[in-house]
Amino acid sequence: MLDADAKLCALEDIADNDALGMVARIEGKQRNIFVARRGDAAYAYINWCPHAQLLLDQVPGKFFEPEHKYIRCGMHAATFQVEDGLCIQGPCEGESLKSIKIEIQDGAIYMAE
């Protein structure tokens, strides 16, 4: 059973092919994170561009490019794959977003160890 304090949100709180930003305790520090959803799968990352050291969602809550296929940094348009956070285009190509381990249980997304 996962710790109720580790619950981030319900999967249904995130529209399919979209993301939800939030604050969570990561390694003892409050950090801006986001969880992206693809169907019944979810992927969580620190909300921080490896190139610009800025929040990805320069417009709050806007984590994707218009087609919602890729995560995109709002400052310099670096483009990242949803499933692994790898930058495939832009100034940080080849670098990755810092992923956060999560688990989905009973329709809820939890931080995992």
Protein backbone atom coordinates (compact mmCIF):
# COMPACT_ATOMS: atom_id res chain seq x y z
CA MET A 1 0.00 0.00 0.00
CA LEU A 2 1.33 3.41 -0.93
CA ASP A 3 1.59 6.22 1.62
CA ALA A 4 -1.40 8.57 1.39
CA ASP A 5 0.99 11.51 1.93
CA ALA A 6 2.72 10.54 -1.33
CA LYS A 7 -0.46 11.04 -3.38
CA LEU A 8 0.01 13.68 -6.07
CA CYS A 9 -3.40 13.65 -7.75
CA ALA A 10 -5.96 11.42 -9.42
CA LEU A 11 -5.16 10.30 -12.97
CA GLU A 12 -8.50 11.78 -14.06
CA ASP A 13 -7.35 15.21 -12.77
CA ILE A 14 -5.07 15.37 -15.83
CA ALA A 15 -6.62 15.55 -19.29
CA ASP A 16 -5.29 12.91 -21.67
CA ASN A 17 -2.27 14.23 -23.62
CA ASP A 18 -1.82 17.09 -21.18
CA ALA A 19 0.02 17.80 -17.93
CA LEU A 20 -0.63 19.20 -14.49
CA GLY A 21 1.89 21.26 -12.53
CA MET A 22 2.16 21.04 -8.75
CA VAL A 23 4.58 21.32 -5.85
CA ALA A 24 5.96 18.21 -4.14
CA ARG A 25 8.68 17.38 -1.65
CA ILE A 26 11.63 15.91 -3.59
CA GLU A 27 14.77 14.87 -1.69
CA GLY A 28 13.65 16.99 1.26
CA LYS A 29 12.95 20.15 -0.76
CA GLN A 30 9.75 21.68 -2.09
CA ARG A 31 10.02 21.50 -5.88
CA ASN A 32 7.87 22.48 -8.84
CA ILE A 33 6.99 19.31 -10.72
CA PHE A 34 4.51 18.23 -13.36
CA VAL A 35 2.79 15.01 -14.30
CA ALA A 36 2.01 14.31 -17.96
CA ARG A 37 -0.66 11.82 -18.99
CA ARG A 38 -0.85 9.51 -21.99
CA GLY A 39 -4.00 7.38 -21.68
CA ASP A 40 -3.66 5.24 -18.57
CA ALA A 41 0.06 6.05 -18.19
CA ALA A 42 1.61 9.01 -16.40
CA TYR A 43 5.13 10.48 -16.32
CA ALA A 44 6.45 12.92 -13.73
CA TYR A 45 9.33 15.38 -14.03
CA ILE A 46 10.93 18.28 -12.20
CA ASN A 47 9.52 21.44 -13.83
CA TRP A 48 12.92 22.77 -14.88
CA CYS A 49 14.45 23.15 -18.35
CA PRO A 50 17.98 21.70 -18.45
CA HIS A 51 19.02 24.47 -20.87
CA ALA A 52 17.50 27.62 -19.42
CA GLN A 53 17.18 26.65 -15.73
CA LEU A 54 13.64 28.06 -15.83
CA LEU A 55 10.21 26.59 -15.33
CA LEU A 56 9.08 24.84 -18.51
CA ASP A 57 5.60 26.34 -18.29
CA GLN A 58 6.40 30.00 -18.79
CA VAL A 59 2.65 30.34 -19.23
CA PRO A 60 1.42 28.49 -16.12
CA GLY A 61 -0.02 25.09 -16.97
CA LYS A 62 1.17 25.13 -20.61
CA PHE A 63 3.63 22.23 -20.82
CA PHE A 64 2.99 21.07 -24.39
CA GLU A 65 3.40 22.34 -27.91
CA PRO A 66 0.06 23.05 -29.68
CA GLU A 67 -0.45 19.48 -30.97
CA HIS A 68 0.19 18.03 -27.46
CA LYS A 69 2.62 15.47 -28.85
CA TYR A 70 5.72 16.79 -27.04
CA ILE A 71 6.56 18.70 -23.87
CA ARG A 72 7.98 22.11 -24.79
CA CYS A 73 9.88 24.72 -22.83
CA GLY A 74 7.98 27.98 -23.02
CA MET A 75 11.16 30.08 -23.11
CA HIS A 76 13.34 28.58 -25.86
CA ALA A 77 11.01 25.93 -27.37
CA ALA A 78 13.20 22.95 -26.43
CA THR A 79 11.10 19.87 -27.21
CA PHE A 80 11.01 16.77 -24.99
CA GLN A 81 9.53 13.29 -25.40
CA VAL A 82 6.78 12.60 -22.90
CA GLU A 83 7.73 9.00 -22.11
CA ASP A 84 11.38 9.59 -21.14
CA GLY A 85 11.93 13.37 -20.99
CA LEU A 86 14.64 13.29 -23.68
CA CYS A 87 15.16 16.60 -25.49
CA ILE A 88 14.84 15.87 -29.21
CA GLN A 89 15.02 19.43 -30.52
CA GLY A 90 16.34 22.73 -29.27
CA PRO A 91 19.30 24.13 -27.32
CA CYS A 92 19.51 21.18 -24.90
CA GLU A 93 19.14 18.40 -27.50
CA GLY A 94 20.32 15.08 -26.06
CA GLU A 95 19.78 16.16 -22.43
CA SER A 96 16.78 15.02 -20.40
CA LEU A 97 14.29 16.30 -17.90
CA LYS A 98 14.80 14.93 -14.39
CA SER A 99 12.22 12.20 -13.93
CA ILE A 100 10.37 11.43 -10.71
CA LYS A 101 9.35 7.87 -9.89
CA ILE A 102 5.60 7.52 -9.62
CA GLU A 103 3.08 4.70 -9.38
CA ILE A 104 -0.58 4.58 -10.32
CA GLN A 105 -2.83 2.69 -7.95
CA ASP A 106 -6.62 2.68 -7.88
CA GLY A 107 -6.75 5.64 -10.26
CA ALA A 108 -4.41 7.81 -8.17
CA ILE A 109 -0.82 8.89 -8.87
CA TYR A 110 1.66 8.53 -6.03
CA MET A 111 5.32 9.39 -5.55
CA ALA A 112 7.26 6.11 -5.44
CA GLU A 113 10.48 5.22 -3.66
